[in-house]
């Protein structure tokens, strides 16, 4: 079997393997709009991070990026937050869907203001 066919078979096998176990390998795709970090006053879990106006004190408002991204609270990391706080309530897929829905709602609310 030539190398190209072998690589194609490996990819197909890995695709099947990961598809069957997708729930364990999901990654939340954040578009870095910063809206969730600009409305942390909506979550009592993040009150210590509120700079007083609902914006996270660790948000760089020019870039919409977190200044402490690598050390951010577990609650701010969708994958870690799911495993630590919500895995007994939702499947990972459900939890991601809820987070995407929350993102969409924030964006819709923001779009109405402009």
N, C-alpha and C. Protein backbone atom coordinates (compact mmCIF):
# COMPACT_ATOMS: atom_id res chain seq x y z
N UNK A 1 0.86 -1.18 0.00
CA UNK A 1 0.00 0.00 0.00
C UNK A 1 0.90 1.23 0.00
N UNK A 2 0.56 2.19 -0.88
CA UNK A 2 1.40 3.38 -0.94
C UNK A 2 1.12 4.29 0.26
N UNK A 3 2.04 5.22 0.47
CA UNK A 3 1.99 6.08 1.66
C UNK A 3 0.74 6.96 1.70
N UNK A 4 0.32 7.46 0.53
CA UNK A 4 -0.87 8.33 0.47
C UNK A 4 -2.13 7.57 0.92
N UNK A 5 -2.27 6.34 0.45
CA UNK A 5 -3.44 5.54 0.85
C UNK A 5 -3.40 5.22 2.33
N UNK A 6 -2.22 4.93 2.82
CA UNK A 6 -2.04 4.62 4.24
C UNK A 6 -2.41 5.84 5.10
N UNK A 7 -1.97 7.01 4.69
CA UNK A 7 -2.33 8.23 5.42
C UNK A 7 -3.83 8.47 5.37
N UNK A 8 -4.44 8.22 4.23
CA UNK A 8 -5.89 8.37 4.09
C UNK A 8 -6.64 7.44 5.01
N UNK A 9 -6.18 6.20 5.13
CA UNK A 9 -6.82 5.23 6.03
C UNK A 9 -6.65 5.64 7.49
N UNK A 10 -5.45 6.13 7.83
CA UNK A 10 -5.21 6.59 9.20
C UNK A 10 -6.15 7.73 9.56
N UNK A 11 -6.29 8.68 8.63
CA UNK A 11 -7.18 9.81 8.87
C UNK A 11 -8.62 9.34 9.04
N UNK A 12 -9.05 8.39 8.21
CA UNK A 12 -10.42 7.88 8.29
C UNK A 12 -10.66 7.19 9.63
N UNK A 13 -9.69 6.41 10.07
CA UNK A 13 -9.81 5.70 11.35
C UNK A 13 -9.87 6.70 12.50
N UNK A 14 -8.99 7.70 12.46
CA UNK A 14 -8.99 8.72 13.52
C UNK A 14 -10.29 9.51 13.52
N UNK A 15 -10.81 9.81 12.33
CA UNK A 15 -12.07 10.55 12.23
C UNK A 15 -13.20 9.76 12.89
N UNK A 16 -13.26 8.46 12.62
CA UNK A 16 -14.29 7.61 13.23
C UNK A 16 -14.08 7.55 14.74
N UNK A 17 -12.83 7.35 15.16
CA UNK A 17 -12.52 7.27 16.58
C UNK A 17 -12.97 8.52 17.32
N UNK A 18 -12.61 9.69 16.78
CA UNK A 18 -12.96 10.93 17.46
C UNK A 18 -14.45 11.24 17.36
N UNK A 19 -15.09 10.87 16.27
CA UNK A 19 -16.52 11.11 16.13
C UNK A 19 -17.29 10.32 17.18
N UNK A 20 -16.87 9.09 17.44
CA UNK A 20 -17.54 8.26 18.44
C UNK A 20 -17.30 8.77 19.85
N UNK A 21 -16.23 9.48 20.04
CA UNK A 21 -15.88 9.98 21.37
C UNK A 21 -15.89 11.50 21.42
N UNK A 22 -16.63 12.10 20.51
CA UNK A 22 -16.62 13.56 20.34
C UNK A 22 -16.85 14.30 21.64
N UNK A 23 -17.74 13.81 22.45
CA UNK A 23 -18.09 14.52 23.68
C UNK A 23 -16.88 14.72 24.59
N UNK A 24 -15.87 13.89 24.47
CA UNK A 24 -14.68 14.03 25.30
C UNK A 24 -13.62 14.94 24.70
N UNK A 25 -13.83 15.36 23.45
CA UNK A 25 -12.80 16.13 22.78
C UNK A 25 -13.31 17.47 22.26
N UNK A 26 -14.45 17.90 22.74
CA UNK A 26 -14.99 19.17 22.28
C UNK A 26 -14.13 20.33 22.77
N UNK A 27 -14.04 21.32 21.98
CA UNK A 27 -13.33 22.54 22.35
C UNK A 27 -14.26 23.70 22.03
N UNK A 28 -14.49 24.54 23.02
CA UNK A 28 -15.36 25.69 22.83
C UNK A 28 -14.66 26.69 21.93
N UNK A 29 -15.33 27.13 20.90
CA UNK A 29 -14.74 28.06 19.93
C UNK A 29 -15.19 29.48 20.25
N UNK A 30 -14.35 30.18 20.95
CA UNK A 30 -14.62 31.56 21.34
C UNK A 30 -14.13 32.48 20.22
N UNK A 31 -14.97 33.46 19.84
CA UNK A 31 -14.55 34.39 18.79
C UNK A 31 -13.93 35.67 19.36
N UNK A 32 -13.72 35.68 20.67
CA UNK A 32 -13.01 36.77 21.36
C UNK A 32 -13.68 38.14 21.16
N UNK A 33 -15.01 38.16 21.16
CA UNK A 33 -15.72 39.43 21.02
C UNK A 33 -15.67 40.24 22.32
N UNK A 34 -15.44 39.57 23.45
CA UNK A 34 -15.30 40.25 24.74
C UNK A 34 -16.61 40.57 25.43
N UNK A 35 -17.75 40.24 24.81
CA UNK A 35 -19.02 40.62 25.41
C UNK A 35 -19.28 39.91 26.74
N UNK A 36 -18.90 38.66 26.85
CA UNK A 36 -19.12 37.96 28.13
C UNK A 36 -18.29 38.62 29.24
N UNK A 37 -17.12 39.09 28.90
CA UNK A 37 -16.24 39.74 29.88
C UNK A 37 -16.68 41.17 30.19
N UNK A 38 -17.54 41.71 29.36
CA UNK A 38 -18.07 43.06 29.57
C UNK A 38 -19.40 43.04 30.34
N UNK A 39 -19.87 41.84 30.66
CA UNK A 39 -21.15 41.71 31.37
C UNK A 39 -21.04 40.72 32.53
N UNK A 40 -19.92 40.74 33.24
CA UNK A 40 -19.76 39.75 34.31
C UNK A 40 -20.63 40.07 35.52
N UNK A 41 -21.22 41.26 35.53
CA UNK A 41 -22.12 41.61 36.63
C UNK A 41 -23.38 40.75 36.61
N UNK A 42 -23.56 39.99 35.54
CA UNK A 42 -24.73 39.10 35.44
C UNK A 42 -24.49 37.76 36.15
N UNK A 43 -23.29 37.55 36.62
CA UNK A 43 -22.97 36.31 37.31
C UNK A 43 -22.39 36.61 38.69
N UNK A 44 -23.05 36.13 39.71
CA UNK A 44 -22.56 36.34 41.07
C UNK A 44 -21.22 35.62 41.30
N UNK A 45 -20.94 34.62 40.51
CA UNK A 45 -19.67 33.89 40.65
C UNK A 45 -18.46 34.75 40.30
N UNK A 46 -18.69 35.80 39.53
CA UNK A 46 -17.57 36.62 39.06
C UNK A 46 -17.54 38.01 39.69
N UNK A 47 -18.29 38.21 40.76
CA UNK A 47 -18.38 39.55 41.36
C UNK A 47 -17.03 40.11 41.80
N UNK A 48 -16.11 39.25 42.20
CA UNK A 48 -14.79 39.72 42.63
C UNK A 48 -13.93 40.24 41.48
N UNK A 49 -14.35 39.95 40.25
CA UNK A 49 -13.58 40.37 39.07
C UNK A 49 -14.18 41.62 38.42
N UNK A 50 -15.31 42.08 38.93
CA UNK A 50 -16.00 43.24 38.36
C UNK A 50 -15.24 44.51 38.71
N UNK A 51 -14.92 45.30 37.69
CA UNK A 51 -14.20 46.55 37.92
C UNK A 51 -15.13 47.67 38.38
N UNK A 52 -16.40 47.34 38.59
CA UNK A 52 -17.35 48.33 39.09
C UNK A 52 -18.39 48.75 38.06
N UNK A 53 -18.12 48.41 36.81
CA UNK A 53 -19.06 48.77 35.74
C UNK A 53 -19.55 47.55 34.97
N UNK A 54 -19.35 46.36 35.56
CA UNK A 54 -19.78 45.13 34.90
C UNK A 54 -18.73 44.53 34.00
N UNK A 55 -17.63 45.23 33.82
CA UNK A 55 -16.54 44.76 32.96
C UNK A 55 -15.49 44.08 33.84
N UNK A 56 -15.00 42.94 33.37
CA UNK A 56 -13.97 42.22 34.12
C UNK A 56 -12.71 43.08 34.21
N UNK A 57 -12.16 43.15 35.39
CA UNK A 57 -10.96 43.96 35.59
C UNK A 57 -9.73 43.41 34.86
N UNK A 58 -9.83 42.17 34.37
CA UNK A 58 -8.71 41.56 33.65
C UNK A 58 -8.88 41.61 32.13
N UNK A 59 -9.96 42.24 31.66
CA UNK A 59 -10.17 42.36 30.22
C UNK A 59 -9.39 43.55 29.67
N UNK A 60 -8.58 43.31 28.67
CA UNK A 60 -7.93 44.40 27.95
C UNK A 60 -9.00 44.91 26.98
N UNK A 61 -9.57 46.06 27.27
CA UNK A 61 -10.70 46.56 26.48
C UNK A 61 -10.31 47.01 25.08
N UNK A 62 -9.03 47.16 24.81
CA UNK A 62 -8.59 47.50 23.45
C UNK A 62 -8.51 46.28 22.56
N UNK A 63 -8.10 45.15 23.13
CA UNK A 63 -7.92 43.94 22.32
C UNK A 63 -9.03 42.90 22.55
N UNK A 64 -9.84 43.10 23.60
CA UNK A 64 -10.85 42.13 24.02
C UNK A 64 -10.24 40.82 24.50
N UNK A 65 -8.99 40.84 24.87
CA UNK A 65 -8.32 39.63 25.36
C UNK A 65 -8.10 39.72 26.86
N UNK A 66 -8.08 38.57 27.48
CA UNK A 66 -7.90 38.47 28.92
C UNK A 66 -6.43 38.66 29.27
N UNK A 67 -6.17 39.52 30.24
CA UNK A 67 -4.79 39.77 30.69
C UNK A 67 -4.22 38.59 31.48
N UNK A 68 -5.11 37.75 32.01
CA UNK A 68 -4.66 36.60 32.82
C UNK A 68 -5.15 35.29 32.19
N UNK A 69 -5.23 35.26 30.87
CA UNK A 69 -5.85 34.13 30.16
C UNK A 69 -5.35 32.77 30.63
N UNK A 70 -4.05 32.60 30.73
CA UNK A 70 -3.50 31.29 31.13
C UNK A 70 -3.85 30.94 32.58
N UNK A 71 -4.12 31.94 33.39
CA UNK A 71 -4.44 31.72 34.80
C UNK A 71 -5.87 32.16 35.15
N UNK A 72 -6.73 32.27 34.15
CA UNK A 72 -8.10 32.74 34.37
C UNK A 72 -8.86 31.78 35.27
N UNK A 73 -9.90 32.25 35.91
CA UNK A 73 -10.69 31.37 36.78
C UNK A 73 -11.29 30.21 36.00
N UNK A 74 -11.45 29.08 36.65
CA UNK A 74 -12.01 27.90 35.99
C UNK A 74 -13.37 28.19 35.38
N UNK A 75 -14.13 29.04 36.03
CA UNK A 75 -15.46 29.36 35.54
C UNK A 75 -15.40 30.07 34.18
N UNK A 76 -14.32 30.77 33.91
CA UNK A 76 -14.15 31.49 32.64
C UNK A 76 -13.65 30.59 31.51
N UNK A 77 -13.26 29.40 31.84
CA UNK A 77 -12.79 28.43 30.85
C UNK A 77 -13.91 27.42 30.65
N UNK A 78 -14.56 27.46 29.50
CA UNK A 78 -15.76 26.65 29.28
C UNK A 78 -15.47 25.15 29.49
N UNK A 79 -14.37 24.66 28.96
CA UNK A 79 -14.07 23.24 29.09
C UNK A 79 -13.83 22.83 30.55
N UNK A 80 -13.00 23.60 31.24
CA UNK A 80 -12.68 23.31 32.65
C UNK A 80 -13.92 23.54 33.52
N UNK A 81 -14.62 24.63 33.27
CA UNK A 81 -15.84 24.93 34.02
C UNK A 81 -16.85 23.80 33.90
N UNK A 82 -16.98 23.26 32.71
CA UNK A 82 -17.90 22.13 32.51
C UNK A 82 -17.48 20.96 33.40
N UNK A 83 -16.22 20.57 33.28
CA UNK A 83 -15.75 19.40 34.04
C UNK A 83 -15.88 19.60 35.55
N UNK A 84 -15.56 20.79 36.05
CA UNK A 84 -15.56 21.03 37.49
C UNK A 84 -16.94 21.30 38.08
N UNK A 85 -17.79 21.97 37.33
CA UNK A 85 -19.04 22.45 37.92
C UNK A 85 -20.33 21.90 37.32
N UNK A 86 -20.30 21.47 36.07
CA UNK A 86 -21.55 21.16 35.40
C UNK A 86 -21.66 19.77 34.79
N UNK A 87 -20.63 18.95 34.88
CA UNK A 87 -20.65 17.64 34.21
C UNK A 87 -21.70 16.69 34.80
N UNK A 88 -22.13 16.96 36.02
CA UNK A 88 -23.16 16.09 36.60
C UNK A 88 -24.57 16.58 36.26
N UNK A 89 -24.66 17.73 35.59
CA UNK A 89 -25.96 18.30 35.24
C UNK A 89 -26.23 18.19 33.74
N UNK A 90 -25.21 18.46 32.91
CA UNK A 90 -25.35 18.49 31.46
C UNK A 90 -24.34 17.56 30.81
N UNK A 91 -24.63 17.17 29.57
CA UNK A 91 -23.57 16.56 28.76
C UNK A 91 -22.70 17.71 28.29
N UNK A 92 -21.51 17.39 27.85
CA UNK A 92 -20.61 18.45 27.38
C UNK A 92 -21.23 19.17 26.19
N UNK A 93 -21.85 18.41 25.30
CA UNK A 93 -22.50 19.00 24.14
C UNK A 93 -23.60 19.98 24.55
N UNK A 94 -24.43 19.59 25.49
CA UNK A 94 -25.51 20.47 25.98
C UNK A 94 -24.92 21.75 26.59
N UNK A 95 -23.89 21.58 27.38
CA UNK A 95 -23.27 22.72 28.05
C UNK A 95 -22.68 23.69 27.03
N UNK A 96 -22.02 23.16 26.01
CA UNK A 96 -21.47 24.01 24.96
C UNK A 96 -22.60 24.73 24.23
N UNK A 97 -23.67 24.02 23.92
CA UNK A 97 -24.81 24.63 23.24
C UNK A 97 -25.37 25.79 24.07
N UNK A 98 -25.49 25.58 25.38
CA UNK A 98 -25.99 26.65 26.25
C UNK A 98 -25.06 27.86 26.24
N UNK A 99 -23.76 27.61 26.23
CA UNK A 99 -22.80 28.71 26.20
C UNK A 99 -22.84 29.44 24.86
N UNK A 100 -22.98 28.70 23.77
CA UNK A 100 -23.11 29.35 22.46
C UNK A 100 -24.40 30.18 22.40
N UNK A 101 -25.45 29.65 23.01
CA UNK A 101 -26.72 30.38 23.03
C UNK A 101 -26.57 31.68 23.83
N UNK A 102 -25.89 31.60 24.97
CA UNK A 102 -25.64 32.80 25.78
C UNK A 102 -24.83 33.81 24.98
N UNK A 103 -23.84 33.36 24.23
CA UNK A 103 -23.05 34.25 23.37
C UNK A 103 -23.96 34.93 22.35
N UNK A 104 -24.79 34.13 21.71
CA UNK A 104 -25.70 34.69 20.69
C UNK A 104 -26.64 35.72 21.29
N UNK A 105 -27.14 35.45 22.49
CA UNK A 105 -28.05 36.40 23.15
C UNK A 105 -27.34 37.72 23.48
N UNK A 106 -26.12 37.62 23.97
CA UNK A 106 -25.35 38.84 24.25
C UNK A 106 -25.08 39.63 22.97
N UNK A 107 -24.74 38.93 21.91
CA UNK A 107 -24.47 39.60 20.63
C UNK A 107 -25.74 40.26 20.09
N UNK A 108 -26.87 39.58 20.20
CA UNK A 108 -28.13 40.14 19.73
C UNK A 108 -28.49 41.39 20.53
N UNK A 109 -28.28 41.33 21.83
CA UNK A 109 -28.55 42.48 22.70
C UNK A 109 -27.63 43.64 22.34
N UNK A 110 -26.37 43.35 22.10
CA UNK A 110 -25.39 44.37 21.75
C UNK A 110 -25.74 44.99 20.39
N UNK A 111 -26.14 44.14 19.42
CA UNK A 111 -26.50 44.64 18.08
C UNK A 111 -27.70 45.59 18.14
N UNK A 112 -28.63 45.33 19.05
CA UNK A 112 -29.81 46.19 19.17
C UNK A 112 -29.43 47.59 19.65
N UNK A 113 -28.37 47.67 20.43
CA UNK A 113 -27.94 48.96 21.00
C UNK A 113 -27.28 49.84 19.94
N UNK A 114 -26.67 49.21 18.95
CA UNK A 114 -25.92 49.99 17.94
C UNK A 114 -26.82 50.55 16.87
